[in-house]
Protein backbone atom coordinates (compact mmCIF):
# COMPACT_ATOMS: atom_id res chain seq x y z
CA MET A 1 -1.51 11.62 5.99
CA SER A 2 0.44 14.14 3.91
CA GLU A 3 3.84 12.47 4.22
CA ARG A 4 5.07 10.00 1.64
CA LEU A 5 4.17 6.40 2.43
CA THR A 6 6.85 3.85 3.26
CA LEU A 7 6.47 0.12 2.67
CA TYR A 8 8.71 -2.46 4.29
CA SER A 9 8.71 -5.20 1.71
CA TYR A 10 10.45 -8.26 0.27
CA TRP A 11 10.41 -8.84 -3.45
CA ARG A 12 8.94 -12.38 -3.29
CA SER A 13 6.63 -11.93 -0.31
CA SER A 14 3.05 -12.62 -1.40
CA ALA A 15 1.70 -10.37 1.34
CA ALA A 16 3.94 -7.47 0.34
CA TYR A 17 3.03 -8.10 -3.31
CA ARG A 18 -0.64 -7.53 -2.38
CA VAL A 19 0.12 -4.17 -0.83
CA ARG A 20 2.24 -3.05 -3.80
CA ILE A 21 -0.71 -3.77 -6.10
CA ALA A 22 -3.05 -1.82 -3.83
CA LEU A 23 -0.72 1.18 -3.65
CA ASN A 24 -0.43 1.17 -7.44
CA LEU A 25 -4.18 0.88 -8.00
CA LYS A 26 -4.73 3.78 -5.60
CA MET A 27 -1.98 5.69 -7.44
CA LEU A 28 -0.18 6.40 -4.17
CA PRO A 29 3.57 7.12 -4.38
CA TYR A 30 5.64 5.30 -1.81
CA ASP A 31 9.17 4.37 -0.83
CA GLN A 32 10.24 0.77 -0.34
CA VAL A 33 12.50 -0.45 2.43
CA PRO A 34 13.68 -3.96 1.55
CA VAL A 35 13.68 -6.54 4.34
CA HIS A 36 15.51 -9.63 3.12
CA LEU A 37 13.78 -12.65 4.62
CA VAL A 38 16.71 -15.04 4.10
CA ASN A 39 20.01 -13.13 4.29
CA ASN A 40 21.82 -13.20 7.62
CA GLY A 41 19.21 -15.51 9.07
CA GLY A 42 16.42 -13.17 8.01
CA GLU A 43 16.50 -9.40 8.43
CA GLN A 44 12.93 -9.54 9.79
CA HIS A 45 14.42 -10.88 13.02
CA ASP A 46 16.61 -7.82 13.54
CA PRO A 47 15.73 -6.07 16.84
CA VAL A 48 15.05 -2.80 15.03
CA PHE A 49 12.50 -4.40 12.74
CA HIS A 50 11.07 -6.40 15.66
CA GLU A 51 10.16 -3.11 17.32
CA LEU A 52 8.32 -2.13 14.15
CA ASN A 53 6.48 -5.45 13.89
CA PRO A 54 6.63 -7.91 16.80
CA GLN A 55 5.47 -10.67 14.43
CA GLU A 56 8.66 -10.16 12.42
CA LEU A 57 6.76 -10.29 9.14
CA VAL A 58 6.40 -8.10 6.08
CA PRO A 59 4.68 -6.00 4.93
CA VAL A 60 4.58 -3.01 7.24
CA LEU A 61 3.22 0.32 6.06
CA ILE A 62 4.32 3.63 7.58
CA ASP A 63 1.98 6.56 7.05
CA GLY A 64 3.31 9.50 9.03
CA ARG A 65 3.22 8.32 12.64
CA ARG A 66 0.93 5.42 11.83
CA VAL A 67 2.29 1.89 11.64
CA VAL A 68 -0.07 -0.51 9.86
CA ARG A 69 0.59 -4.26 9.85
CA GLN A 70 -1.02 -7.25 8.10
CA SER A 71 -1.58 -7.00 4.35
CA LEU A 72 -5.39 -7.08 4.35
CA ALA A 73 -5.56 -4.46 7.09
CA ILE A 74 -3.13 -2.31 5.10
CA VAL A 75 -5.15 -2.62 1.90
CA GLU A 76 -8.40 -1.68 3.63
CA TYR A 77 -6.64 1.16 5.45
CA LEU A 78 -5.41 2.56 2.14
CA ASP A 79 -8.87 2.25 0.64
CA GLU A 80 -10.48 4.10 3.53
CA ALA A 81 -7.78 6.70 4.15
CA TYR A 82 -7.20 7.66 0.52
CA ASP A 83 -10.33 8.08 -1.56
CA GLY A 84 -9.03 8.68 -5.08
CA ALA A 85 -10.80 7.39 -8.18
CA MET A 86 -10.20 3.70 -7.48
CA LYS A 87 -12.03 1.87 -4.71
CA LEU A 88 -10.72 -1.55 -3.75
CA LEU A 89 -13.93 -2.74 -2.11
CA PRO A 90 -17.41 -2.50 -3.66
CA PRO A 91 -20.03 -0.16 -2.18
CA MET A 92 -22.69 -2.79 -1.38
CA ILE A 93 -22.42 -4.67 1.92
CA ARG A 94 -23.20 -8.07 0.38
CA ASP A 95 -20.60 -7.53 -2.36
CA ARG A 96 -17.96 -6.50 0.19
CA ALA A 97 -18.67 -9.67 2.15
CA ARG A 98 -18.13 -11.78 -0.98
CA VAL A 99 -14.90 -10.00 -1.85
CA ARG A 100 -13.58 -10.35 1.70
CA ALA A 101 -14.42 -14.06 1.68
CA LEU A 102 -12.45 -14.55 -1.55
CA ALA A 103 -9.53 -12.51 -0.22
CA GLN A 104 -9.46 -14.37 3.09
CA LEU A 105 -9.61 -17.75 1.34
CA ILE A 106 -6.19 -16.88 -0.05
CA ALA A 107 -4.71 -14.78 2.73
CA CYS A 108 -5.93 -16.84 5.69
CA ASP A 109 -6.33 -20.39 4.40
CA VAL A 110 -3.84 -20.94 1.56
CA HIS A 111 -0.90 -18.59 1.88
CA PRO A 112 -0.10 -19.20 5.59
CA LEU A 113 0.44 -22.91 4.89
CA ASN A 114 3.06 -22.18 2.27
CA ASN A 115 4.98 -19.15 3.44
CA LEU A 116 8.69 -19.08 4.19
CA ARG A 117 8.55 -19.72 7.92
CA VAL A 118 6.37 -22.80 7.41
CA MET A 119 8.76 -24.13 4.77
CA GLN A 120 11.69 -23.50 7.08
CA TYR A 121 9.93 -25.31 9.95
CA LEU A 122 9.12 -28.31 7.75
CA GLU A 123 12.76 -28.53 6.75
CA ARG A 124 14.37 -27.81 10.09
CA GLU A 125 12.05 -29.52 12.58
CA LEU A 126 10.39 -32.26 10.51
CA ALA A 127 13.29 -33.04 8.16
CA ALA A 128 11.07 -32.66 5.09
CA ASP A 129 13.19 -32.68 1.95
CA ALA A 130 12.72 -30.38 -1.04
CA GLU A 131 10.39 -32.78 -2.86
CA GLN A 132 8.18 -33.21 0.19
CA ARG A 133 7.99 -29.46 0.74
CA GLN A 134 7.10 -28.99 -2.93
CA ARG A 135 4.28 -31.56 -2.68
CA TRP A 136 2.98 -29.89 0.49
CA THR A 137 2.90 -26.51 -1.22
CA GLN A 138 1.28 -27.81 -4.40
CA HIS A 139 -1.42 -29.61 -2.44
CA TRP A 140 -2.58 -26.56 -0.50
CA ILE A 141 -2.41 -24.25 -3.51
CA ARG A 142 -4.53 -26.67 -5.54
CA GLU A 143 -7.06 -26.97 -2.72
CA GLY A 144 -7.37 -23.21 -2.44
CA LEU A 145 -7.56 -22.50 -6.15
CA ARG A 146 -10.14 -25.25 -6.65
CA ALA A 147 -12.45 -23.61 -4.12
CA PHE A 148 -11.70 -20.12 -5.44
CA GLU A 149 -12.52 -21.19 -9.01
CA GLU A 150 -15.85 -22.69 -7.93
CA MET A 151 -16.74 -19.53 -6.02
CA LEU A 152 -16.04 -17.46 -9.12
CA VAL A 153 -17.95 -19.68 -11.53
CA GLU A 154 -21.06 -19.99 -9.37
CA HIS A 155 -21.54 -16.26 -8.78
CA PRO A 156 -23.15 -13.74 -11.15
CA SER A 157 -20.94 -10.90 -9.86
CA THR A 158 -17.83 -12.41 -11.42
CA GLY A 159 -16.87 -10.28 -14.40
CA ARG A 160 -13.62 -9.35 -16.06
CA TYR A 161 -12.20 -9.47 -12.54
CA CYS A 162 -13.22 -11.35 -9.41
CA GLU A 163 -15.97 -8.82 -8.64
CA GLY A 164 -17.37 -7.07 -11.67
CA ASP A 165 -15.26 -5.20 -14.17
CA SER A 166 -12.93 -3.34 -11.82
CA PRO A 167 -9.99 -4.92 -9.98
CA GLY A 168 -10.16 -4.95 -6.21
CA LEU A 169 -9.26 -6.70 -3.00
CA ALA A 170 -9.99 -10.24 -4.23
CA ASP A 171 -7.77 -9.78 -7.30
CA ILE A 172 -5.08 -8.21 -5.12
CA CYS A 173 -4.93 -11.43 -3.11
CA LEU A 174 -5.41 -13.83 -6.01
CA ILE A 175 -2.61 -12.69 -8.32
CA PRO A 176 0.29 -13.19 -5.85
CA GLN A 177 -1.04 -16.66 -5.08
CA VAL A 178 -1.20 -17.48 -8.79
CA TYR A 179 2.41 -16.29 -9.00
CA ASN A 180 3.22 -18.88 -6.34
CA ALA A 181 1.31 -21.51 -8.29
CA HIS A 182 3.55 -20.85 -11.30
CA ARG A 183 6.62 -20.83 -9.08
CA PHE A 184 5.79 -24.23 -7.59
CA ARG A 185 4.68 -25.69 -10.94
CA VAL A 186 0.99 -26.07 -10.21
CA ASP A 187 -1.01 -26.79 -13.37
CA LEU A 188 -3.61 -24.04 -13.79
CA THR A 189 -5.60 -25.88 -16.48
CA PRO A 190 -8.36 -26.85 -13.99
CA TYR A 191 -8.89 -23.16 -13.13
CA PRO A 192 -9.79 -21.37 -16.41
CA THR A 193 -11.61 -18.47 -14.73
CA ILE A 194 -8.63 -17.78 -12.50
CA ALA A 195 -6.30 -17.95 -15.50
CA ARG A 196 -8.51 -15.50 -17.41
CA ILE A 197 -8.58 -13.05 -14.51
CA GLU A 198 -4.81 -13.35 -14.07
CA GLN A 199 -4.30 -12.34 -17.69
CA ALA A 200 -6.67 -9.39 -17.33
CA CYS A 201 -4.93 -8.19 -14.17
CA LEU A 202 -1.40 -8.47 -15.50
CA GLU A 203 -2.35 -6.32 -18.47
CA LEU A 204 -2.80 -3.44 -16.01
CA PRO A 205 0.31 -1.39 -15.13
CA ALA A 206 -0.64 -1.45 -11.43
CA PHE A 207 -0.29 -5.22 -11.34
CA ASP A 208 2.62 -5.46 -13.75
CA THR A 209 4.74 -2.94 -11.82
CA ALA A 210 4.06 -4.82 -8.58
CA ARG A 211 5.41 -8.15 -9.90
CA PRO A 212 8.25 -9.62 -7.84
CA GLU A 213 10.68 -9.51 -10.75
CA ASN A 214 10.11 -5.74 -11.08
CA GLN A 215 11.13 -4.88 -7.50
CA PRO A 216 14.31 -2.99 -6.55
CA ASP A 217 15.48 -5.76 -4.20
CA VAL A 218 15.13 -8.65 -6.65
CA PRO A 219 18.45 -10.56 -6.65
CA GLY A 220 20.85 -9.43 -9.32
CA THR A 221 19.58 -5.85 -9.59
CA ALA A 222 21.99 -4.25 -7.16
């Protein structure tokens, strides 16, 4: 694990955004390889990338000879493989279970319903127009954030961040989804705890540097 890490990423991919935050919090230097998910029908479908990830999704992390796929698996891999000063999961079993539940609410229940390939399927196969796709996205983001907000408010472990006063896995998943909420014009007024945590996270360089608009492959930066 002595070689420099490589992240296959796309500037507006929520899943890749999560991993960028994790790498920054762990203070791990890495190189980015952009995979444009739209150009030329989607570079993720290229045979070379298919060999790297048969799902044809980003992110993919390369650590020496290791290929790690799926954003949550990558984040936990980084936390276990690289100790450092920052831990992304709490030490207590019950606290880790809570954090994983929050993270999976976003990564497993909300984000998959709104990612690019779902939007493309709705448009191509079901003839859903832009307004219908927008309403679909807004609905599932609201449903997820409503539950997430309630889970934060009801629990004594909620602090400056989702779990206590240090950012971790739950925040890593939450902030990219809140970015999507802004992008799709979801009103965050009903979620004051989420809005407060978003502000606290984005004040940290690790989160700010990971923002989509700060990536080398953002359109217009070439």
